[in-house]
Structures are given as C-alpha cells and as structure tokens.
C-alpha atoms as a PDB file:
ATOM      1  CA  MET A   1      62.564  87.813  65.431  1.00  0.00           C
ATOM      2  CA  PRO A   2      62.135  89.290  61.956  1.00  0.00           C
ATOM      3  CA  SER A   3      61.270  86.697  59.334  1.00  0.00           C
ATOM      4  CA  ASP A   4      63.189  88.587  56.629  1.00  0.00           C
ATOM      5  CA  HIS A   5      66.475  87.367  58.166  1.00  0.00           C
ATOM      6  CA  SER A   6      68.039  83.935  57.912  1.00  0.00           C
ATOM      7  CA  PRO A   7      67.830  81.392  60.722  1.00  0.00           C
ATOM      8  CA  GLN A   8      71.589  81.898  61.232  1.00  0.00           C
ATOM      9  CA  TRP A   9      71.047  85.643  61.821  1.00  0.00           C
ATOM     10  CA  ARG A  10      68.069  85.063  64.122  1.00  0.00           C
ATOM     11  CA  ARG A  11      70.123  82.699  66.309  1.00  0.00           C
ATOM     12  CA  LEU A  12      72.869  85.250  67.018  1.00  0.00           C
ATOM     13  CA  ASP A  13      72.927  86.460  70.627  1.00  0.00           C
ATOM     14  CA  THR A  14      73.553  89.965  69.300  1.00  0.00           C
ATOM     15  CA  ALA A  15      70.495  89.765  67.027  1.00  0.00           C
ATOM     16  CA  VAL A  16      68.276  88.801  69.963  1.00  0.00           C
ATOM     17  CA  LEU A  17      69.793  91.592  72.058  1.00  0.00           C
ATOM     18  CA  ASP A  18      69.532  94.190  69.285  1.00  0.00           C
ATOM     19  CA  HIS A  19      66.066  93.331  68.019  1.00  0.00           C
ATOM     20  CA  LEU A  20      64.142  92.109  71.059  1.00  0.00           C
ATOM     21  CA  LEU A  21      65.724  94.101  73.871  1.00  0.00           C
ATOM     22  CA  ILE A  22      67.349  97.236  72.460  1.00  0.00           C
ATOM     23  CA  GLU A  23      64.743  98.012  69.784  1.00  0.00           C
ATOM     24  CA  ASP A  24      61.495  96.466  71.039  1.00  0.00           C
ATOM     25  CA  ALA A  25      61.663  96.381  74.847  1.00  0.00           C
ATOM     26  CA  TRP A  26      63.948  99.324  75.644  1.00  0.00           C
ATOM     27  CA  LYS A  27      63.185 101.513  72.575  1.00  0.00           C
ATOM     28  CA  VAL A  28      66.789 102.691  72.274  1.00  0.00           C
ATOM     29  CA  PRO A  29      67.297 104.967  69.237  1.00  0.00           C
ATOM     30  CA  ALA A  30      69.404 103.610  66.381  1.00  0.00           C
ATOM     31  CA  ASN A  31      72.295 106.057  66.661  1.00  0.00           C
ATOM     32  CA  GLU A  32      75.919 105.365  67.477  1.00  0.00           C
ATOM     33  CA  ASN A  33      75.902 107.319  70.743  1.00  0.00           C
ATOM     34  CA  ALA A  34      72.891 105.624  72.326  1.00  0.00           C
ATOM     35  CA  ILE A  35      74.818 102.511  73.402  1.00  0.00           C
ATOM     36  CA  GLU A  36      78.236 102.321  74.974  1.00  0.00           C
ATOM     37  CA  VAL A  37      80.195  99.198  74.152  1.00  0.00           C
ATOM     38  CA  VAL A  38      82.953  98.011  76.472  1.00  0.00           C
ATOM     39  CA  HIS A  39      85.143  95.397  74.821  1.00  0.00           C
ATOM     40  CA  ASP A  40      87.208  92.734  76.578  1.00  0.00           C
ATOM     41  CA  ASP A  41      86.277  93.652  80.157  1.00  0.00           C
ATOM     42  CA  PRO A  42      82.849  92.564  81.425  1.00  0.00           C
ATOM     43  CA  SER A  43      83.566  93.859  84.937  1.00  0.00           C
ATOM     44  CA  ALA A  44      84.255  97.349  83.539  1.00  0.00           C
ATOM     45  CA  ALA A  45      80.920  97.278  81.716  1.00  0.00           C
ATOM     46  CA  ILE A  46      79.100  96.224  84.873  1.00  0.00           C
ATOM     47  CA  ASP A  47      80.862  98.892  86.961  1.00  0.00           C
ATOM     48  CA  ARG A  48      80.026 101.554  84.370  1.00  0.00           C
ATOM     49  CA  ALA A  49      76.356 100.513  84.332  1.00  0.00           C
ATOM     50  CA  ARG A  50      76.197 100.693  88.136  1.00  0.00           C
ATOM     51  CA  ARG A  51      77.771 104.171  88.221  1.00  0.00           C
ATOM     52  CA  THR A  52      75.524 105.594  85.520  1.00  0.00           C
ATOM     53  CA  GLY A  53      72.287 103.811  86.346  1.00  0.00           C
ATOM     54  CA  GLY A  54      72.449 101.909  83.075  1.00  0.00           C
ATOM     55  CA  THR A  55      72.154  98.270  82.154  1.00  0.00           C
ATOM     56  CA  ALA A  56      75.084  96.022  81.336  1.00  0.00           C
ATOM     57  CA  VAL A  57      74.597  93.095  78.991  1.00  0.00           C
ATOM     58  CA  VAL A  58      77.527  90.692  78.788  1.00  0.00           C
ATOM     59  CA  LEU A  59      77.624  88.438  75.733  1.00  0.00           C
ATOM     60  CA  ALA A  60      80.102  85.908  74.451  1.00  0.00           C
ATOM     61  CA  PRO A  61      81.867  87.143  71.317  1.00  0.00           C
ATOM     62  CA  LEU A  62      80.512  86.018  67.967  1.00  0.00           C
ATOM     63  CA  ARG A  63      82.247  83.030  66.484  1.00  0.00           C
ATOM     64  CA  VAL A  64      83.932  83.576  63.133  1.00  0.00           C
ATOM     65  CA  GLU A  65      81.837  80.725  61.725  1.00  0.00           C
ATOM     66  CA  ASP A  66      78.643  82.563  62.667  1.00  0.00           C
ATOM     67  CA  VAL A  67      79.778  85.822  61.078  1.00  0.00           C
ATOM     68  CA  LEU A  68      80.733  83.961  57.886  1.00  0.00           C
ATOM     69  CA  ALA A  69      77.423  82.041  57.827  1.00  0.00           C
ATOM     70  CA  VAL A  70      75.465  85.299  58.018  1.00  0.00           C
ATOM     71  CA  ALA A  71      77.702  87.006  55.437  1.00  0.00           C
ATOM     72  CA  ASP A  72      77.347  84.036  53.053  1.00  0.00           C
ATOM     73  CA  ARG A  73      73.627  84.807  52.931  1.00  0.00           C
ATOM     74  CA  GLY A  74      74.285  88.442  52.038  1.00  0.00           C
ATOM     75  CA  GLU A  75      73.349  89.744  55.479  1.00  0.00           C
ATOM     76  CA  ARG A  76      75.150  91.892  58.001  1.00  0.00           C
ATOM     77  CA  VAL A  77      75.458  91.074  61.671  1.00  0.00           C
ATOM     78  CA  PRO A  78      73.569  93.476  63.976  1.00  0.00           C
ATOM     79  CA  ARG A  79      75.129  96.740  65.143  1.00  0.00           C
ATOM     80  CA  LYS A  80      77.867  96.504  67.736  1.00  0.00           C
ATOM     81  CA  SER A  81      78.360  92.787  67.032  1.00  0.00           C
ATOM     82  CA  THR A  82      81.992  92.866  66.019  1.00  0.00           C
ATOM     83  CA  SER A  83      85.149  94.617  67.058  1.00  0.00           C
ATOM     84  CA  PHE A  84      88.369  94.127  65.188  1.00  0.00           C
ATOM     85  CA  GLY A  85      91.632  95.171  66.747  1.00  0.00           C
ATOM     86  CA  PRO A  86      94.116  96.438  67.309  1.00  0.00           C
ATOM     87  CA  LYS A  87      92.913  99.786  66.037  1.00  0.00           C
ATOM     88  CA  PRO A  88      95.382 102.550  65.198  1.00  0.00           C
ATOM     89  CA  ARG A  89      95.250 105.651  67.358  1.00  0.00           C
ATOM     90  CA  THR A  90      93.462 108.691  65.948  1.00  0.00           C
ATOM     91  CA  GLY A  91      96.019 110.966  64.353  1.00  0.00           C
ATOM     92  CA  LEU A  92      98.645 108.266  64.042  1.00  0.00           C
ATOM     93  CA  VAL A  93     101.021 108.971  61.176  1.00  0.00           C
ATOM     94  CA  LEU A  94     102.868 106.170  59.435  1.00  0.00           C
ATOM     95  CA  ARG A  95     105.977 106.731  57.387  1.00  0.00           C
ATOM     96  CA  LEU A  96     107.752 104.251  55.156  1.00  0.00           C
ATOM     97  CA  LEU A  97     111.342 103.620  56.165  1.00  0.00           C
ATOM     98  CA  GLU A  98     112.403 102.391  52.744  1.00  0.00           C
ATOM     99  CA  THR A  99     113.334 104.906  50.086  1.00  0.00           C
ATOM    100  CA  GLU A 100     112.213 104.543  46.506  1.00  0.00           C
ATOM    101  CA  THR A 101     114.989 103.714  44.085  1.00  0.00           C
END
C-alpha cells in the first residue's frame, strides 16, 4: 500500500481493492467506465459478472467513522467507495409550491 496515505486510508477494504487489485494486479484503467458498480445487491453483481465473464467483488460498505477518519487527514476515499442516495432522476424538474409574497 502507498506510504503517502494514512494508516486509516490503507486499512480501507476499498483502498486494498483499488490499489492492489484494480490498479496493480488487474491493470484496470482509471476511467469511470472501466468498472461497473452495483449497489445494494451483491447477487446482481455476481450474476452480472457471470453473464459478462467479469469478476465480482463484494465488499461491506464503508463505515461513516472510517470516511470521517480519512477526511480528517485531508484525504479522499478511493474511487467507487461511497454512494449516497437517494439520487434524483436525470431530468427531474422541481417546482416550488409556495408563491413569493
């Protein structure tokens, strides 16, 4: 694991996955389309990997305490580590129901 990161960052499951497997072992390019992330349904990720000949990696979600510990040191968690929801639909339009007086 890279020594320029804190011990808290190096202990994250997602850091080990991102640095040791995705970057070093599998040589996956660092672009957003290279990895498909399936949230909340490990069986869907496994099924997708079987259908496409890919590899599914199922991790426990990061704990809030771990994210805060890394952020307190001025670091960011590795790519694809967090997912915040619910997300609004693309093209969703919101309109205020109150009128200005």
